Protein backbone atom coordinates (compact mmCIF):
# COMPACT_ATOMS: atom_id res chain seq x y z
CA MET A 1 -47.48 18.68 46.31
CA THR A 2 -46.53 18.70 43.23
CA LEU A 3 -47.47 17.47 40.20
CA THR A 4 -44.64 14.83 40.03
CA GLU A 5 -45.83 13.71 43.32
CA LEU A 6 -49.49 12.85 42.16
CA LYS A 7 -48.30 11.16 38.89
CA TYR A 8 -46.20 8.66 41.53
CA ILE A 9 -48.82 7.96 43.19
CA VAL A 10 -50.84 7.66 40.70
CA ALA A 11 -48.50 5.11 39.14
CA VAL A 12 -48.06 2.80 42.44
CA ALA A 13 -51.94 2.90 42.50
CA ARG A 14 -52.21 1.38 38.79
CA GLU A 15 -49.37 -0.66 38.90
CA ARG A 16 -49.84 -2.09 42.91
CA HIS A 17 -45.63 -2.27 43.32
CA PHE A 18 -42.61 0.18 43.87
CA GLY A 19 -40.71 -1.02 41.61
CA ARG A 20 -42.87 -1.22 38.83
CA ALA A 21 -44.30 2.29 39.09
CA ALA A 22 -40.65 3.65 39.71
CA GLU A 23 -39.77 2.26 36.33
CA ALA A 24 -43.06 3.82 34.34
CA CYS A 25 -42.12 7.00 36.00
CA PHE A 26 -37.80 6.64 34.83
CA VAL A 27 -36.94 7.19 38.17
CA SER A 28 -35.61 5.09 41.23
CA GLN A 29 -37.29 3.33 43.64
CA PRO A 30 -35.89 5.41 46.64
CA THR A 31 -36.44 8.49 44.92
CA LEU A 32 -40.05 7.56 43.98
CA SER A 33 -40.70 6.17 48.23
CA VAL A 34 -39.23 9.22 49.52
CA ALA A 35 -41.45 11.71 47.44
CA ILE A 36 -44.53 9.85 48.14
CA LYS A 37 -43.79 9.39 51.77
CA LYS A 38 -43.10 13.51 51.84
CA LEU A 39 -46.34 13.85 50.01
CA GLU A 40 -48.26 11.25 53.26
CA ASP A 41 -46.55 13.34 55.93
CA GLU A 42 -48.18 16.48 53.97
CA LEU A 43 -51.36 15.42 53.60
CA GLU A 44 -50.92 13.77 57.15
CA VAL A 45 -53.06 10.49 55.69
CA LYS A 46 -51.68 7.20 54.46
CA LEU A 47 -52.04 6.47 50.97
CA PHE A 48 -50.63 3.17 50.80
CA GLU A 49 -50.66 0.18 52.64
CA ARG A 50 -47.44 -1.79 52.27
CA SER A 51 -46.65 -5.80 52.55
CA ALA A 52 -43.57 -8.11 51.44
CA ASN A 53 -45.48 -9.11 48.29
CA GLU A 54 -48.14 -6.14 47.66
CA VAL A 55 -49.05 -2.53 47.83
CA THR A 56 -52.72 -1.73 48.35
CA VAL A 57 -54.39 1.77 48.32
CA THR A 58 -56.40 2.94 51.37
CA PRO A 59 -59.86 3.72 51.29
CA LEU A 60 -58.86 7.52 51.34
CA GLY A 61 -55.93 7.06 49.32
CA GLU A 62 -58.54 5.84 46.47
CA GLU A 63 -60.24 9.20 46.69
CA ILE A 64 -56.94 11.29 46.64
CA VAL A 65 -55.68 9.16 43.73
CA ARG A 66 -58.63 9.86 41.67
CA GLN A 67 -58.26 13.47 42.31
CA ALA A 68 -54.48 13.68 41.56
CA GLN A 69 -55.49 11.74 38.37
CA SER A 70 -58.36 14.90 37.23
CA VAL A 71 -55.67 17.22 38.23
CA LEU A 72 -53.26 15.56 35.64
CA GLU A 73 -55.31 15.50 33.02
CA GLN A 74 -55.78 18.83 33.79
CA ALA A 75 -52.09 19.41 33.74
CA ALA A 76 -51.99 18.18 30.62
CA ALA A 77 -54.73 19.64 29.23
CA ILE A 78 -53.59 23.51 29.77
CA LYS A 79 -50.32 21.96 27.22
CA GLU A 80 -52.53 20.62 24.57
CA ILE A 81 -54.31 23.87 24.49
CA ALA A 82 -51.47 25.91 24.35
CA LYS A 83 -50.38 23.45 21.19
CA ARG A 84 -53.72 22.99 19.69
CA GLY A 85 -53.00 27.20 18.98
CA LYS A 86 -50.22 26.08 16.73
CA ASP A 87 -51.06 22.83 15.30
CA PRO A 88 -53.81 20.79 16.86
CA LEU A 89 -53.09 17.77 14.88
CA ALA A 90 -49.34 18.03 16.20
CA GLY A 91 -47.66 15.06 18.58
CA PRO A 92 -48.89 11.70 18.86
CA LEU A 93 -52.22 10.09 19.47
CA ARG A 94 -52.36 7.39 21.86
CA LEU A 95 -55.21 4.63 20.28
CA GLY A 96 -56.29 1.46 22.28
CA VAL A 97 -57.30 -1.09 19.83
CA ILE A 98 -59.52 -4.51 20.74
CA TYR A 99 -57.62 -8.04 19.98
CA THR A 100 -60.09 -9.03 17.26
CA ILE A 101 -60.01 -5.71 15.51
CA GLY A 102 -56.49 -4.52 15.69
CA PRO A 103 -54.84 -7.46 13.61
CA TYR A 104 -57.45 -6.52 10.50
CA LEU A 105 -57.90 -2.65 10.70
CA LEU A 106 -54.50 -1.00 11.79
CA PRO A 107 -52.52 -1.83 9.05
CA ASP A 108 -54.90 0.14 6.53
CA LEU A 109 -55.70 3.02 9.30
CA VAL A 110 -51.90 3.46 10.11
CA ARG A 111 -51.35 3.73 6.21
CA GLN A 112 -53.35 6.09 6.24
CA ALA A 113 -52.85 8.33 8.95
CA ILE A 114 -49.43 8.26 7.78
CA ALA A 115 -50.49 10.02 4.58
CA ARG A 116 -53.09 12.23 6.22
CA THR A 117 -52.17 13.58 9.08
CA PRO A 118 -48.09 12.27 9.42
CA GLN A 119 -47.39 15.06 12.05
CA MET A 120 -49.37 12.84 14.16
CA PRO A 121 -48.63 9.47 14.99
CA LEU A 122 -50.30 6.89 16.22
CA MET A 123 -49.24 5.03 19.00
CA LEU A 124 -50.96 1.83 19.56
CA GLN A 125 -52.14 -0.25 22.25
CA GLU A 126 -53.97 -3.54 21.88
CA ASN A 127 -55.81 -5.10 24.74
CA PHE A 128 -59.06 -6.34 26.08
CA THR A 129 -62.38 -3.68 26.97
CA VAL A 130 -61.76 -4.00 30.45
CA ARG A 131 -57.99 -2.74 30.55
CA LEU A 132 -58.99 -0.48 27.47
CA LEU A 133 -61.35 1.25 29.44
CA GLU A 134 -58.92 1.29 32.53
CA MET A 135 -56.33 2.98 30.53
CA LEU A 136 -58.73 5.95 29.27
CA ARG A 137 -59.97 6.49 32.76
CA MET A 138 -56.36 6.82 34.06
CA GLY A 139 -55.70 8.53 31.11
CA GLU A 140 -52.68 6.66 29.60
CA ILE A 141 -54.27 6.11 26.13
CA ASP A 142 -56.44 9.10 24.57
CA CYS A 143 -58.68 6.92 22.72
CA ALA A 144 -60.17 3.57 22.06
CA ILE A 145 -61.44 1.67 18.98
CA MET A 146 -64.04 -1.06 20.85
CA ALA A 147 -67.36 -2.53 20.11
CA GLU A 148 -70.89 -2.28 21.90
CA PRO A 149 -71.73 -2.66 24.55
CA PHE A 150 -69.47 -1.65 27.19
CA PRO A 151 -70.19 -0.64 30.76
CA ASP A 152 -70.68 3.38 30.93
CA ALA A 153 -67.67 5.26 31.81
CA GLY A 154 -68.83 8.20 30.75
CA LEU A 155 -66.81 8.16 27.38
CA ALA A 156 -67.87 10.38 24.56
CA ILE A 157 -68.66 7.81 22.12
CA ALA A 158 -68.64 8.34 18.37
CA PRO A 159 -70.11 5.01 16.08
CA LEU A 160 -67.61 3.85 13.21
CA TYR A 161 -69.19 0.94 11.58
CA ASP A 162 -71.46 -2.22 12.00
CA GLU A 163 -69.78 -5.59 11.46
CA PRO A 164 -71.64 -8.13 10.51
CA PHE A 165 -70.53 -12.11 11.53
CA LEU A 166 -69.76 -14.95 9.14
CA ALA A 167 -69.97 -18.80 10.01
CA ALA A 168 -66.17 -20.45 9.60
CA VAL A 169 -66.71 -24.08 9.23
CA PRO A 170 -64.21 -26.86 7.43
CA SER A 171 -64.48 -26.88 4.10
CA ASN A 172 -65.26 -30.79 4.18
CA HIS A 173 -68.09 -29.71 6.50
CA PRO A 174 -71.60 -30.73 5.60
CA LEU A 175 -72.08 -27.44 6.20
CA ALA A 176 -69.81 -25.92 3.73
CA ALA A 177 -72.10 -26.71 0.58
CA HIS A 178 -74.35 -24.04 2.07
CA LYS A 179 -74.75 -20.50 0.75
CA THR A 180 -76.14 -19.06 3.43
CA ILE A 181 -76.13 -20.67 7.09
CA THR A 182 -78.98 -19.47 10.67
CA ALA A 183 -77.69 -19.80 14.19
CA GLU A 184 -80.20 -23.06 14.49
CA GLU A 185 -77.88 -25.02 12.16
CA LEU A 186 -74.81 -24.11 14.50
CA LYS A 187 -76.93 -25.16 17.57
CA GLN A 188 -75.42 -29.29 17.04
CA GLU A 189 -71.94 -28.26 16.27
CA THR A 190 -68.89 -27.99 17.96
CA MET A 191 -68.31 -24.27 19.09
CA LEU A 192 -64.44 -22.81 18.92
CA LEU A 193 -65.14 -19.77 21.49
CA LEU A 194 -62.31 -17.16 22.11
CA GLY A 195 -60.83 -17.03 25.63
CA THR A 196 -62.95 -15.11 28.91
CA GLY A 197 -61.92 -11.55 28.42
CA HIS A 198 -62.52 -10.96 24.98
CA CYS A 199 -65.76 -9.16 23.93
CA PHE A 200 -66.32 -11.26 20.69
CA ARG A 201 -66.47 -14.55 23.01
CA ASP A 202 -69.87 -12.86 23.85
CA HIS A 203 -71.02 -11.69 20.87
CA VAL A 204 -71.04 -15.24 19.82
CA LEU A 205 -72.38 -16.39 22.98
CA GLU A 206 -75.29 -13.95 22.05
CA VAL A 207 -75.78 -15.34 18.44
CA CYS A 208 -75.72 -18.81 19.74
CA PRO A 209 -76.68 -19.04 23.43
CA GLU A 210 -76.48 -22.52 24.04
CA PHE A 211 -72.69 -23.12 24.27
CA ALA A 212 -72.70 -20.68 27.12
CA ARG A 213 -72.69 -24.14 29.05
CA PHE A 214 -69.77 -24.86 27.87
CA SER A 215 -67.84 -21.64 28.48
CA SER A 216 -66.66 -21.53 32.06
CA ASP A 217 -66.44 -24.36 34.29
CA ALA A 218 -67.18 -26.94 32.05
CA GLU A 219 -64.92 -30.45 31.79
CA GLY A 220 -63.96 -32.13 28.66
CA ILE A 221 -63.03 -31.40 25.42
CA ARG A 222 -65.71 -28.64 24.65
CA LYS A 223 -63.67 -26.40 27.60
CA SER A 224 -60.36 -27.26 25.98
CA PHE A 225 -61.30 -25.47 21.96
CA GLU A 226 -61.12 -22.03 24.09
CA GLY A 227 -58.22 -19.99 21.98
CA SER A 228 -55.96 -17.07 22.73
CA SER A 229 -56.68 -15.35 19.03
CA LEU A 230 -59.38 -15.43 16.32
CA GLU A 231 -56.41 -16.89 14.36
CA THR A 232 -56.16 -19.54 16.25
CA ILE A 233 -59.11 -20.55 16.65
CA LYS A 234 -59.22 -20.10 12.39
CA HIS A 235 -56.46 -22.43 12.45
CA MET A 236 -58.83 -24.80 14.70
CA VAL A 237 -61.52 -24.75 12.40
CA ALA A 238 -59.26 -25.57 9.16
CA ALA A 239 -57.41 -28.47 11.23
CA GLY A 240 -61.61 -29.54 11.49
CA MET A 241 -62.29 -29.52 15.21
CA GLY A 242 -65.10 -27.22 15.27
CA VAL A 243 -66.78 -24.21 13.77
CA THR A 244 -66.94 -20.82 15.17
CA LEU A 245 -68.26 -16.97 14.26
CA VAL A 246 -65.74 -14.32 12.68
CA PRO A 247 -66.02 -10.89 12.19
CA ARG A 248 -66.29 -9.85 8.52
CA LEU A 249 -63.18 -7.99 8.68
CA SER A 250 -61.35 -10.74 9.63
CA VAL A 251 -62.22 -12.82 7.16
CA PRO A 252 -59.65 -13.05 4.04
CA LYS A 253 -60.35 -11.25 0.08
CA GLU A 254 -58.95 -14.38 -1.52
CA ALA A 255 -62.27 -16.05 0.30
CA PHE A 256 -64.58 -14.79 -1.94
CA ALA A 257 -62.80 -14.53 -4.72
CA THR A 258 -64.07 -16.55 -7.58
CA ARG A 259 -60.99 -18.94 -7.87
CA PRO A 260 -59.19 -18.60 -4.29
CA ARG A 261 -55.48 -18.36 -4.40
CA ARG A 262 -54.13 -20.54 -1.57
CA ARG A 263 -52.92 -17.79 0.41
CA SER A 264 -51.95 -20.16 3.27
CA GLU A 265 -52.25 -24.61 3.66
CA ASP A 266 -54.84 -23.72 6.77
CA GLN A 267 -56.86 -21.07 4.58
CA ALA A 268 -58.16 -23.37 2.15
CA PHE A 269 -59.83 -25.44 4.05
CA VAL A 270 -61.72 -22.93 5.66
CA LYS A 271 -64.90 -21.94 4.48
CA TYR A 272 -66.68 -18.13 5.40
CA ILE A 273 -70.57 -18.68 5.47
CA PRO A 274 -72.73 -15.36 5.43
CA PHE A 275 -75.92 -15.53 7.79
CA ASP A 276 -79.80 -16.02 6.04
CA GLY A 277 -81.82 -12.60 6.19
CA ASP A 278 -80.16 -10.23 8.85
CA PRO A 279 -76.90 -11.10 9.90
CA PRO A 280 -75.46 -10.63 13.57
CA SER A 281 -72.92 -7.76 13.73
CA ARG A 282 -71.11 -5.54 16.05
CA ARG A 283 -71.33 -1.80 16.38
CA VAL A 284 -67.44 -0.62 16.67
CA VAL A 285 -67.32 2.52 18.19
CA LEU A 286 -64.23 5.14 18.88
CA ALA A 287 -64.11 6.34 22.61
CA TRP A 288 -62.26 8.84 24.06
CA ARG A 289 -62.56 10.93 28.34
CA ARG A 290 -64.74 13.79 27.47
CA SER A 291 -61.99 15.97 29.17
CA PHE A 292 -59.36 15.29 26.45
CA THR A 293 -59.39 18.45 24.14
CA ARG A 294 -58.09 17.42 20.83
CA TYR A 295 -60.95 17.56 19.16
CA GLU A 296 -59.43 17.93 15.64
CA ALA A 297 -57.20 15.04 16.28
CA ILE A 298 -60.20 12.76 16.81
CA ALA A 299 -61.41 13.84 13.68
CA ALA A 300 -59.00 13.34 11.67
CA LEU A 301 -58.43 9.72 13.14
CA ARG A 302 -62.07 9.36 12.26
CA ASN A 303 -61.59 10.29 8.85
CA ALA A 304 -58.56 7.86 8.53
CA ILE A 305 -60.44 5.09 9.56
CA TYR A 306 -63.73 6.10 7.26
CA ALA A 307 -60.96 6.08 4.02
CA CYS A 308 -59.53 2.30 5.33
CA GLU A 309 -61.93 -0.43 3.12
CA LEU A 310 -63.86 -1.68 5.35
CA PRO A 311 -64.89 -4.78 3.39
CA GLY A 312 -68.71 -5.55 4.46
CA ALA A 313 -68.64 -3.26 7.25
CA LYS A 314 -71.37 -0.46 7.24
CA ARG A 315 -69.94 2.89 7.79
CA LEU A 316 -72.06 5.30 10.20
CA SER A 317 -71.74 9.06 10.58
């Protein structure tokens, strides 16, 4: 049994396809298949059920793959420990970020990271929370910036900041004249939602739960108003198709200027309104596997995040 063989079975379990797993491991498919067959023969168990269209992991195979992943992590940790003796910040850090944070935090974060730790480049991955949790578990990324809550996966978690939400309404909408807004005032509006899989969609439905009935299998125009990104949703608001909630970091600086400059035609037609009283918000955290040994890298990343502007957000220690 070799670490290479363990790497192959983890890749097949992840990809559910021998060809894609071989590509991910930078080997030919016959090489990967022969190695896995050798391991199955050695263990005298069947790890995968093969069919014409898909590959599934056997129940015993699932257990062996989990152990293989643990072994690979421990082997990687040995290298990391050796590397830390020279420079704990040397080498790339694989960072995952959810879609509703990435576009608004990463540009500033990358600049801060390059200025502070140029020897530790960030390898970035945007995805849904569920997928990032899976990637953390499988060791495909080192850490992730996500919004709570998410399923407890036994991760180490450090709070970063609390970010309030604002309402985004068309500039010619009656609500646009309001200095503040309440959730009650949004109840009668057409709410534009992100598609299923975005955690921010769930945050919006917490503020306005009455829109949950339009968000799954409902028919009609409200169903068609689901968008793929916050920027798409904003363009729909600008077109007068409804209202939405957005996190504070996604609001352009020009929206709060005394004399807003027209960054884009659409932006001129969106008004951002804060909530009255205690605004709804989300807690943004940094999560990593407890077995990850580059503590200094995590600390350096947190410091780089705290050095970002984070307008309107409350930094947490």
